[in-house]
All heavy atoms as atom14 arrays in JSON, in Angstrom:
{
  "sequence": "YPNATNIDALKKFVEQYPDLHYSKVANDIIESMSEMESVERQWKDLY",
  "atom14_mask": [
    [1, 1, 1, 1, 1, 1, 1, 1, 1, 1, 1, 1, 0, 0],
    [1, 1, 1, 1, 1, 1, 1, 0, 0, 0, 0, 0, 0, 0],
    [1, 1, 1, 1, 1, 1, 1, 1, 0, 0, 0, 0, 0, 0],
    [1, 1, 1, 1, 1, 0, 0, 0, 0, 0, 0, 0, 0, 0],
    [1, 1, 1, 1, 1, 1, 1, 0, 0, 0, 0, 0, 0, 0],
    [1, 1, 1, 1, 1, 1, 1, 1, 0, 0, 0, 0, 0, 0],
    [1, 1, 1, 1, 1, 1, 1, 1, 0, 0, 0, 0, 0, 0],
    [1, 1, 1, 1, 1, 1, 1, 1, 0, 0, 0, 0, 0, 0],
    [1, 1, 1, 1, 1, 0, 0, 0, 0, 0, 0, 0, 0, 0],
    [1, 1, 1, 1, 1, 1, 1, 1, 0, 0, 0, 0, 0, 0],
    [1, 1, 1, 1, 1, 1, 1, 1, 1, 0, 0, 0, 0, 0],
    [1, 1, 1, 1, 1, 1, 1, 1, 1, 0, 0, 0, 0, 0],
    [1, 1, 1, 1, 1, 1, 1, 1, 1, 1, 1, 0, 0, 0],
    [1, 1, 1, 1, 1, 1, 1, 0, 0, 0, 0, 0, 0, 0],
    [1, 1, 1, 1, 1, 1, 1, 1, 1, 0, 0, 0, 0, 0],
    [1, 1, 1, 1, 1, 1, 1, 1, 1, 0, 0, 0, 0, 0],
    [1, 1, 1, 1, 1, 1, 1, 1, 1, 1, 1, 1, 0, 0],
    [1, 1, 1, 1, 1, 1, 1, 0, 0, 0, 0, 0, 0, 0],
    [1, 1, 1, 1, 1, 1, 1, 1, 0, 0, 0, 0, 0, 0],
    [1, 1, 1, 1, 1, 1, 1, 1, 0, 0, 0, 0, 0, 0],
    [1, 1, 1, 1, 1, 1, 1, 1, 1, 1, 0, 0, 0, 0],
    [1, 1, 1, 1, 1, 1, 1, 1, 1, 1, 1, 1, 0, 0],
    [1, 1, 1, 1, 1, 1, 0, 0, 0, 0, 0, 0, 0, 0],
    [1, 1, 1, 1, 1, 1, 1, 1, 1, 0, 0, 0, 0, 0],
    [1, 1, 1, 1, 1, 1, 1, 0, 0, 0, 0, 0, 0, 0],
    [1, 1, 1, 1, 1, 0, 0, 0, 0, 0, 0, 0, 0, 0],
    [1, 1, 1, 1, 1, 1, 1, 1, 0, 0, 0, 0, 0, 0],
    [1, 1, 1, 1, 1, 1, 1, 1, 0, 0, 0, 0, 0, 0],
    [1, 1, 1, 1, 1, 1, 1, 1, 0, 0, 0, 0, 0, 0],
    [1, 1, 1, 1, 1, 1, 1, 1, 0, 0, 0, 0, 0, 0],
    [1, 1, 1, 1, 1, 1, 1, 1, 1, 0, 0, 0, 0, 0],
    [1, 1, 1, 1, 1, 1, 0, 0, 0, 0, 0, 0, 0, 0],
    [1, 1, 1, 1, 1, 1, 1, 1, 0, 0, 0, 0, 0, 0],
    [1, 1, 1, 1, 1, 1, 0, 0, 0, 0, 0, 0, 0, 0],
    [1, 1, 1, 1, 1, 1, 1, 1, 1, 0, 0, 0, 0, 0],
    [1, 1, 1, 1, 1, 1, 1, 1, 0, 0, 0, 0, 0, 0],
    [1, 1, 1, 1, 1, 1, 1, 1, 1, 0, 0, 0, 0, 0],
    [1, 1, 1, 1, 1, 1, 0, 0, 0, 0, 0, 0, 0, 0],
    [1, 1, 1, 1, 1, 1, 1, 0, 0, 0, 0, 0, 0, 0],
    [1, 1, 1, 1, 1, 1, 1, 1, 1, 0, 0, 0, 0, 0],
    [1, 1, 1, 1, 1, 1, 1, 1, 1, 1, 1, 0, 0, 0],
    [1, 1, 1, 1, 1, 1, 1, 1, 1, 0, 0, 0, 0, 0],
    [1, 1, 1, 1, 1, 1, 1, 1, 1, 1, 1, 1, 1, 1],
    [1, 1, 1, 1, 1, 1, 1, 1, 1, 0, 0, 0, 0, 0],
    [1, 1, 1, 1, 1, 1, 1, 1, 0, 0, 0, 0, 0, 0],
    [1, 1, 1, 1, 1, 1, 1, 1, 0, 0, 0, 0, 0, 0],
    [1, 1, 1, 1, 1, 1, 1, 1, 1, 1, 1, 1, 0, 0]
  ],
  "atom14_positions": [
    [[111.75, 122.82, 109.45], [111.05, 123.86, 108.54], [111.45, 123.53, 107.13], [112.61, 123.45, 106.8], [111.39, 125.23, 108.93], [110.63, 126.28, 108.22], [109.42, 126.71, 108.53], [111.24, 126.72, 106.92], [108.7, 127.64, 107.72], [110.48, 127.72, 106.22], [109.23, 128.13, 106.6], [108.58, 129.15, 105.76], [0.0, 0.0, 0.0], [0.0, 0.0, 0.0]],
    [[110.47, 123.38, 106.18], [109.05, 123.65, 106.46], [108.25, 122.39, 106.47], [106.98, 122.41, 106.41], [108.65, 124.37, 105.14], [109.38, 123.69, 104.1], [110.87, 123.24, 104.86], [0.0, 0.0, 0.0], [0.0, 0.0, 0.0], [0.0, 0.0, 0.0], [0.0, 0.0, 0.0], [0.0, 0.0, 0.0], [0.0, 0.0, 0.0], [0.0, 0.0, 0.0]],
    [[108.88, 121.18, 106.84], [108.2, 119.89, 106.69], [107.53, 119.47, 108.02], [106.81, 118.4, 107.87], [109.36, 118.9, 106.26], [110.02, 119.3, 104.99], [109.49, 119.25, 104.05], [111.27, 119.56, 105.2], [0.0, 0.0, 0.0], [0.0, 0.0, 0.0], [0.0, 0.0, 0.0], [0.0, 0.0, 0.0], [0.0, 0.0, 0.0], [0.0, 0.0, 0.0]],
    [[107.69, 120.1, 109.09], [107.16, 119.58, 110.35], [105.57, 119.53, 110.26], [104.96, 120.52, 109.85], [107.5, 120.39, 111.53], [0.0, 0.0, 0.0], [0.0, 0.0, 0.0], [0.0, 0.0, 0.0], [0.0, 0.0, 0.0], [0.0, 0.0, 0.0], [0.0, 0.0, 0.0], [0.0, 0.0, 0.0], [0.0, 0.0, 0.0], [0.0, 0.0, 0.0]],
    [[104.91, 118.44, 110.84], [103.53, 118.38, 111.0], [103.31, 117.63, 112.34], [104.33, 117.55, 113.07], [102.85, 117.57, 109.81], [101.48, 117.58, 109.97], [103.28, 116.12, 109.77], [0.0, 0.0, 0.0], [0.0, 0.0, 0.0], [0.0, 0.0, 0.0], [0.0, 0.0, 0.0], [0.0, 0.0, 0.0], [0.0, 0.0, 0.0], [0.0, 0.0, 0.0]],
    [[102.11, 117.36, 112.68], [101.83, 116.67, 114.0], [100.69, 115.59, 113.76], [99.9, 115.79, 112.87], [101.62, 117.63, 115.07], [100.37, 118.42, 114.88], [99.23, 117.88, 115.1], [100.47, 119.73, 114.39], [0.0, 0.0, 0.0], [0.0, 0.0, 0.0], [0.0, 0.0, 0.0], [0.0, 0.0, 0.0], [0.0, 0.0, 0.0], [0.0, 0.0, 0.0]],
    [[100.82, 114.62, 114.62], [99.89, 113.55, 114.38], [98.39, 113.9, 114.82], [97.43, 113.47, 114.23], [100.26, 112.33, 115.38], [99.47, 111.08, 114.96], [100.09, 112.63, 116.88], [99.77, 110.59, 113.62], [0.0, 0.0, 0.0], [0.0, 0.0, 0.0], [0.0, 0.0, 0.0], [0.0, 0.0, 0.0], [0.0, 0.0, 0.0], [0.0, 0.0, 0.0]],
    [[98.29, 114.99, 115.66], [97.08, 115.43, 116.1], [96.21, 116.19, 114.9], [95.09, 116.04, 114.75], [97.09, 116.5, 117.31], [97.48, 115.77, 118.53], [97.23, 114.66, 118.68], [98.21, 116.44, 119.41], [0.0, 0.0, 0.0], [0.0, 0.0, 0.0], [0.0, 0.0, 0.0], [0.0, 0.0, 0.0], [0.0, 0.0, 0.0], [0.0, 0.0, 0.0]],
    [[97.02, 116.93, 114.07], [96.5, 117.45, 112.86], [95.92, 116.48, 111.9], [94.81, 116.66, 111.38], [97.5, 118.49, 112.2], [0.0, 0.0, 0.0], [0.0, 0.0, 0.0], [0.0, 0.0, 0.0], [0.0, 0.0, 0.0], [0.0, 0.0, 0.0], [0.0, 0.0, 0.0], [0.0, 0.0, 0.0], [0.0, 0.0, 0.0], [0.0, 0.0, 0.0]],
    [[96.67, 115.39, 111.7], [96.17, 114.29, 110.92], [95.02, 113.62, 111.45], [94.01, 113.31, 110.71], [97.4, 113.31, 110.67], [98.5, 113.79, 109.94], [99.69, 112.77, 110.09], [98.26, 113.96, 108.46], [0.0, 0.0, 0.0], [0.0, 0.0, 0.0], [0.0, 0.0, 0.0], [0.0, 0.0, 0.0], [0.0, 0.0, 0.0], [0.0, 0.0, 0.0]],
    [[95.07, 113.38, 112.73], [93.91, 112.64, 113.27], [92.61, 113.57, 113.33], [91.52, 113.11, 113.17], [94.17, 112.2, 114.73], [95.11, 111.15, 115.01], [95.35, 110.85, 116.43], [96.34, 109.63, 116.53], [96.7, 109.38, 117.98], [0.0, 0.0, 0.0], [0.0, 0.0, 0.0], [0.0, 0.0, 0.0], [0.0, 0.0, 0.0], [0.0, 0.0, 0.0]],
    [[92.78, 114.84, 113.46], [91.65, 115.86, 113.39], [90.98, 115.79, 112.02], [89.77, 115.8, 111.89], [92.19, 117.2, 113.67], [91.02, 118.21, 113.62], [91.53, 119.66, 114.09], [90.36, 120.66, 114.14], [91.03, 121.98, 114.45], [0.0, 0.0, 0.0], [0.0, 0.0, 0.0], [0.0, 0.0, 0.0], [0.0, 0.0, 0.0], [0.0, 0.0, 0.0]],
    [[91.84, 115.72, 110.95], [91.22, 115.63, 109.64], [90.32, 114.36, 109.43], [89.27, 114.34, 108.85], [92.5, 115.58, 108.59], [91.94, 115.09, 107.19], [91.15, 115.98, 106.4], [92.31, 113.92, 106.64], [90.81, 115.5, 105.11], [92.01, 113.45, 105.47], [91.19, 114.27, 104.61], [0.0, 0.0, 0.0], [0.0, 0.0, 0.0], [0.0, 0.0, 0.0]],
    [[90.92, 113.18, 109.94], [90.12, 111.87, 109.86], [88.88, 112.03, 110.64], [87.77, 111.51, 110.25], [91.0, 110.8, 110.42], [90.19, 109.51, 110.45], [92.15, 110.51, 109.4], [0.0, 0.0, 0.0], [0.0, 0.0, 0.0], [0.0, 0.0, 0.0], [0.0, 0.0, 0.0], [0.0, 0.0, 0.0], [0.0, 0.0, 0.0], [0.0, 0.0, 0.0]],
    [[88.88, 112.59, 111.93], [87.77, 112.64, 112.76], [86.67, 113.8, 112.23], [85.52, 113.44, 112.38], [88.13, 113.14, 114.24], [88.94, 112.02, 114.89], [89.71, 112.63, 116.14], [89.53, 113.81, 116.41], [90.32, 111.85, 116.83], [0.0, 0.0, 0.0], [0.0, 0.0, 0.0], [0.0, 0.0, 0.0], [0.0, 0.0, 0.0], [0.0, 0.0, 0.0]],
    [[87.2, 114.79, 111.62], [86.34, 115.75, 111.04], [85.57, 115.31, 109.79], [84.47, 115.82, 109.6], [87.07, 117.02, 110.79], [86.29, 118.23, 110.54], [87.03, 119.55, 110.61], [88.29, 119.54, 110.8], [86.38, 120.77, 110.41], [0.0, 0.0, 0.0], [0.0, 0.0, 0.0], [0.0, 0.0, 0.0], [0.0, 0.0, 0.0], [0.0, 0.0, 0.0]],
    [[86.33, 114.51, 109.0], [85.68, 114.01, 107.74], [85.67, 112.52, 107.62], [86.3, 111.95, 106.71], [86.42, 114.63, 106.57], [86.58, 116.09, 106.73], [87.68, 116.73, 106.97], [85.38, 117.01, 106.19], [87.84, 118.21, 106.94], [85.5, 118.36, 106.25], [86.76, 118.93, 106.61], [86.89, 120.37, 106.67], [0.0, 0.0, 0.0], [0.0, 0.0, 0.0]],
    [[84.97, 111.82, 108.51], [85.05, 110.35, 108.67], [84.54, 109.68, 107.36], [84.93, 108.51, 107.14], [84.22, 110.0, 109.97], [83.26, 111.15, 109.96], [84.0, 112.43, 109.62], [0.0, 0.0, 0.0], [0.0, 0.0, 0.0], [0.0, 0.0, 0.0], [0.0, 0.0, 0.0], [0.0, 0.0, 0.0], [0.0, 0.0, 0.0], [0.0, 0.0, 0.0]],
    [[83.67, 110.34, 106.57], [83.0, 109.67, 105.48], [83.79, 109.87, 104.15], [83.41, 109.33, 103.1], [81.52, 110.13, 105.27], [80.68, 109.78, 106.49], [81.03, 108.67, 107.06], [79.81, 110.48, 106.88], [0.0, 0.0, 0.0], [0.0, 0.0, 0.0], [0.0, 0.0, 0.0], [0.0, 0.0, 0.0], [0.0, 0.0, 0.0], [0.0, 0.0, 0.0]],
    [[84.77, 110.69, 104.19], [85.68, 110.98, 103.07], [86.41, 109.76, 102.47], [86.96, 109.11, 103.4], [86.58, 112.17, 103.13], [86.06, 113.62, 103.21], [87.16, 114.54, 103.28], [85.24, 113.81, 102.15], [0.0, 0.0, 0.0], [0.0, 0.0, 0.0], [0.0, 0.0, 0.0], [0.0, 0.0, 0.0], [0.0, 0.0, 0.0], [0.0, 0.0, 0.0]],
    [[86.52, 109.54, 101.37], [87.33, 108.6, 100.84], [88.75, 108.74, 101.25], [89.46, 107.73, 101.72], [87.28, 108.57, 99.29], [88.36, 107.84, 98.4], [88.18, 106.39, 98.34], [89.57, 108.11, 98.07], [89.31, 105.95, 97.72], [90.11, 106.94, 97.56], [0.0, 0.0, 0.0], [0.0, 0.0, 0.0], [0.0, 0.0, 0.0], [0.0, 0.0, 0.0]],
    [[89.32, 110.02, 101.09], [90.68, 110.22, 101.4], [91.0, 110.35, 102.96], [92.17, 110.09, 103.28], [91.09, 111.59, 100.77], [91.14, 111.37, 99.24], [90.0, 111.94, 98.61], [92.08, 110.74, 98.55], [90.13, 111.88, 97.18], [92.14, 110.61, 97.15], [91.05, 111.24, 96.46], [91.02, 110.96, 95.07], [0.0, 0.0, 0.0], [0.0, 0.0, 0.0]],
    [[89.94, 110.51, 103.74], [90.28, 110.33, 105.19], [90.44, 108.89, 105.55], [91.23, 108.66, 106.5], [89.03, 110.99, 106.09], [87.95, 110.11, 105.93], [0.0, 0.0, 0.0], [0.0, 0.0, 0.0], [0.0, 0.0, 0.0], [0.0, 0.0, 0.0], [0.0, 0.0, 0.0], [0.0, 0.0, 0.0], [0.0, 0.0, 0.0], [0.0, 0.0, 0.0]],
    [[89.83, 108.01, 104.92], [90.05, 106.44, 105.16], [91.46, 106.13, 104.71], [92.19, 105.38, 105.48], [89.06, 105.69, 104.46], [87.65, 105.87, 104.88], [86.64, 105.09, 104.03], [85.25, 105.07, 104.71], [84.67, 106.53, 104.58], [0.0, 0.0, 0.0], [0.0, 0.0, 0.0], [0.0, 0.0, 0.0], [0.0, 0.0, 0.0], [0.0, 0.0, 0.0]],
    [[91.9, 106.67, 103.68], [93.3, 106.51, 103.15], [94.3, 107.15, 104.17], [95.27, 106.34, 104.62], [93.58, 107.05, 101.89], [95.0, 107.1, 101.45], [92.7, 106.49, 100.77], [0.0, 0.0, 0.0], [0.0, 0.0, 0.0], [0.0, 0.0, 0.0], [0.0, 0.0, 0.0], [0.0, 0.0, 0.0], [0.0, 0.0, 0.0], [0.0, 0.0, 0.0]],
    [[94.1, 108.33, 104.7], [94.85, 108.88, 105.79], [94.87, 108.13, 107.01], [95.94, 108.04, 107.74], [94.47, 110.37, 105.98], [0.0, 0.0, 0.0], [0.0, 0.0, 0.0], [0.0, 0.0, 0.0], [0.0, 0.0, 0.0], [0.0, 0.0, 0.0], [0.0, 0.0, 0.0], [0.0, 0.0, 0.0], [0.0, 0.0, 0.0], [0.0, 0.0, 0.0]],
    [[93.69, 107.56, 107.49], [93.64, 106.87, 108.65], [94.56, 105.5, 108.52], [95.19, 105.07, 109.48], [92.3, 106.48, 108.96], [92.14, 105.86, 110.4], [92.47, 106.45, 111.32], [91.66, 104.64, 110.35], [0.0, 0.0, 0.0], [0.0, 0.0, 0.0], [0.0, 0.0, 0.0], [0.0, 0.0, 0.0], [0.0, 0.0, 0.0], [0.0, 0.0, 0.0]],
    [[94.56, 104.96, 107.33], [95.42, 103.87, 107.08], [96.94, 104.14, 107.34], [97.61, 103.33, 107.81], [95.18, 103.21, 105.71], [95.84, 102.06, 105.35], [96.76, 101.53, 106.14], [95.67, 101.38, 104.26], [0.0, 0.0, 0.0], [0.0, 0.0, 0.0], [0.0, 0.0, 0.0], [0.0, 0.0, 0.0], [0.0, 0.0, 0.0], [0.0, 0.0, 0.0]],
    [[97.28, 105.29, 106.75], [98.56, 105.7, 106.99], [99.06, 106.06, 108.42], [100.11, 105.67, 108.86], [98.95, 106.93, 106.02], [98.83, 106.57, 104.63], [100.29, 107.72, 106.33], [98.64, 107.72, 103.6], [0.0, 0.0, 0.0], [0.0, 0.0, 0.0], [0.0, 0.0, 0.0], [0.0, 0.0, 0.0], [0.0, 0.0, 0.0], [0.0, 0.0, 0.0]],
    [[98.1, 106.67, 109.15], [98.24, 107.0, 110.68], [98.56, 105.73, 111.31], [99.37, 105.64, 112.21], [97.08, 107.71, 111.23], [97.0, 109.25, 110.58], [97.24, 107.74, 112.6], [95.63, 109.94, 110.99], [0.0, 0.0, 0.0], [0.0, 0.0, 0.0], [0.0, 0.0, 0.0], [0.0, 0.0, 0.0], [0.0, 0.0, 0.0], [0.0, 0.0, 0.0]],
    [[97.86, 104.72, 111.06], [97.94, 103.46, 111.79], [99.13, 102.54, 111.44], [99.58, 101.75, 112.31], [96.68, 102.52, 111.54], [95.4, 103.22, 112.15], [94.17, 102.28, 111.89], [94.31, 101.4, 111.09], [93.17, 102.56, 112.53], [0.0, 0.0, 0.0], [0.0, 0.0, 0.0], [0.0, 0.0, 0.0], [0.0, 0.0, 0.0], [0.0, 0.0, 0.0]],
    [[99.81, 102.94, 110.4], [101.03, 102.2, 110.06], [101.97, 103.06, 109.32], [102.4, 102.92, 108.15], [100.74, 100.9, 109.14], [100.17, 101.45, 107.87], [0.0, 0.0, 0.0], [0.0, 0.0, 0.0], [0.0, 0.0, 0.0], [0.0, 0.0, 0.0], [0.0, 0.0, 0.0], [0.0, 0.0, 0.0], [0.0, 0.0, 0.0], [0.0, 0.0, 0.0]],
    [[102.49, 104.18, 109.99], [103.24, 105.23, 109.36], [104.78, 104.7, 109.21], [105.41, 104.12, 110.01], [103.19, 106.47, 110.26], [103.72, 107.64, 109.63], [103.36, 109.18, 110.67], [101.59, 109.22, 110.58], [0.0, 0.0, 0.0], [0.0, 0.0, 0.0], [0.0, 0.0, 0.0], [0.0, 0.0, 0.0], [0.0, 0.0, 0.0], [0.0, 0.0, 0.0]],
    [[105.26, 105.21, 108.08], [106.7, 105.09, 107.78], [107.54, 105.78, 108.89], [107.17, 106.71, 109.52], [106.98, 105.65, 106.42], [106.42, 104.99, 105.38], [0.0, 0.0, 0.0], [0.0, 0.0, 0.0], [0.0, 0.0, 0.0], [0.0, 0.0, 0.0], [0.0, 0.0, 0.0], [0.0, 0.0, 0.0], [0.0, 0.0, 0.0], [0.0, 0.0, 0.0]],
    [[108.79, 105.14, 108.96], [109.66, 105.7, 110.12], [111.09, 105.73, 109.69], [111.59, 105.04, 108.89], [109.6, 104.72, 111.41], [108.23, 104.56, 111.9], [108.2, 103.34, 113.05], [109.31, 102.71, 113.07], [107.22, 103.12, 113.66], [0.0, 0.0, 0.0], [0.0, 0.0, 0.0], [0.0, 0.0, 0.0], [0.0, 0.0, 0.0], [0.0, 0.0, 0.0]],
    [[111.73, 106.86, 110.18], [113.31, 106.98, 110.02], [113.75, 107.08, 111.52], [112.99, 107.41, 112.36], [113.67, 108.34, 109.36], [112.94, 108.38, 107.9], [113.28, 109.94, 107.1], [115.07, 109.99, 106.95], [0.0, 0.0, 0.0], [0.0, 0.0, 0.0], [0.0, 0.0, 0.0], [0.0, 0.0, 0.0], [0.0, 0.0, 0.0], [0.0, 0.0, 0.0]],
    [[115.01, 106.61, 111.65], [115.58, 106.57, 113.0], [117.12, 106.91, 113.0], [117.82, 106.47, 112.09], [115.35, 105.23, 113.58], [115.56, 105.14, 115.06], [115.3, 103.88, 115.73], [114.63, 102.91, 115.09], [115.7, 103.49, 116.88], [0.0, 0.0, 0.0], [0.0, 0.0, 0.0], [0.0, 0.0, 0.0], [0.0, 0.0, 0.0], [0.0, 0.0, 0.0]],
    [[117.44, 107.71, 113.91], [118.9, 108.11, 114.08], [119.32, 107.54, 115.53], [118.6, 107.67, 116.5], [119.2, 109.54, 113.88], [118.53, 110.24, 114.93], [0.0, 0.0, 0.0], [0.0, 0.0, 0.0], [0.0, 0.0, 0.0], [0.0, 0.0, 0.0], [0.0, 0.0, 0.0], [0.0, 0.0, 0.0], [0.0, 0.0, 0.0], [0.0, 0.0, 0.0]],
    [[120.61, 107.19, 115.52], [121.21, 106.85, 116.82], [122.71, 107.57, 116.79], [123.39, 107.54, 115.86], [121.51, 105.31, 116.89], [122.26, 104.99, 118.11], [120.17, 104.61, 116.79], [0.0, 0.0, 0.0], [0.0, 0.0, 0.0], [0.0, 0.0, 0.0], [0.0, 0.0, 0.0], [0.0, 0.0, 0.0], [0.0, 0.0, 0.0], [0.0, 0.0, 0.0]],
    [[122.75, 108.31, 117.91], [124.04, 109.22, 118.03], [124.17, 110.06, 116.75], [125.31, 110.14, 116.31], [125.13, 108.32, 118.39], [125.11, 107.63, 119.75], [126.19, 106.83, 120.06], [127.12, 106.67, 119.16], [126.41, 106.29, 121.19], [0.0, 0.0, 0.0], [0.0, 0.0, 0.0], [0.0, 0.0, 0.0], [0.0, 0.0, 0.0], [0.0, 0.0, 0.0]],
    [[123.1, 110.62, 116.23], [123.14, 111.59, 115.14], [123.61, 110.81, 113.84], [123.93, 111.53, 112.88], [124.1, 112.76, 115.41], [123.5, 113.59, 116.58], [124.37, 114.84, 116.8], [124.04, 115.65, 117.97], [124.51, 116.76, 118.24], [125.45, 117.32, 117.63], [123.97, 117.45, 119.35], [0.0, 0.0, 0.0], [0.0, 0.0, 0.0], [0.0, 0.0, 0.0]],
    [[123.43, 109.53, 113.83], [123.73, 108.84, 112.56], [122.49, 108.0, 112.16], [121.78, 107.29, 112.89], [124.87, 107.78, 112.81], [126.19, 108.32, 113.19], [126.78, 109.15, 112.18], [126.82, 108.87, 110.96], [127.46, 110.27, 112.68], [0.0, 0.0, 0.0], [0.0, 0.0, 0.0], [0.0, 0.0, 0.0], [0.0, 0.0, 0.0], [0.0, 0.0, 0.0]],
    [[122.15, 108.38, 110.9], [121.02, 107.69, 110.41], [121.12, 106.1, 110.2], [122.09, 105.75, 109.54], [120.49, 108.32, 109.11], [119.9, 109.74, 109.22], [120.59, 110.8, 108.74], [118.81, 110.16, 109.82], [119.9, 111.86, 109.1], [118.8, 111.59, 109.74], [117.67, 109.49, 110.46], [117.65, 112.29, 110.26], [116.7, 110.32, 110.98], [116.63, 111.58, 110.78]],
    [[120.11, 105.43, 110.78], [120.09, 104.02, 110.3], [119.8, 103.74, 108.91], [119.1, 104.53, 108.37], [119.06, 103.23, 111.25], [119.57, 103.0, 112.71], [118.38, 102.36, 113.56], [118.83, 102.03, 114.93], [117.69, 101.2, 115.59], [0.0, 0.0, 0.0], [0.0, 0.0, 0.0], [0.0, 0.0, 0.0], [0.0, 0.0, 0.0], [0.0, 0.0, 0.0]],
    [[120.21, 102.69, 108.36], [119.77, 102.32, 107.07], [118.3, 102.14, 107.0], [117.52, 101.92, 107.98], [120.28, 100.94, 106.71], [121.89, 101.07, 106.28], [122.47, 102.19, 106.46], [122.46, 99.93, 106.0], [0.0, 0.0, 0.0], [0.0, 0.0, 0.0], [0.0, 0.0, 0.0], [0.0, 0.0, 0.0], [0.0, 0.0, 0.0], [0.0, 0.0, 0.0]],
    [[117.69, 102.51, 105.83], [116.23, 102.44, 105.53], [116.03, 101.22, 104.65], [116.63, 100.94, 103.76], [115.76, 103.7, 104.97], [115.54, 104.96, 105.91], [115.04, 106.15, 105.12], [114.48, 104.53, 106.97], [0.0, 0.0, 0.0], [0.0, 0.0, 0.0], [0.0, 0.0, 0.0], [0.0, 0.0, 0.0], [0.0, 0.0, 0.0], [0.0, 0.0, 0.0]],
    [[114.78, 100.65, 104.85], [114.3, 99.58, 104.02], [112.97, 100.07, 103.44], [111.97, 100.18, 104.22], [114.08, 98.3, 105.0], [115.39, 97.83, 105.61], [115.69, 98.27, 106.81], [116.19, 96.92, 104.81], [117.0, 97.75, 107.38], [117.41, 96.58, 105.42], [117.84, 96.98, 106.7], [118.95, 96.59, 107.29], [0.0, 0.0, 0.0], [0.0, 0.0, 0.0]]
  ]
}
């Protein structure tokens, strides 16, 4: 809180407005999304 979102909400935006300039940008982000990862509650280094 308050940052949580979900992939379905993002996909819905792209599907609902397929001809929008910014939905194409959003779709590009969905297909190659940034990632963070933790192991045993320790954050891995980020690149």
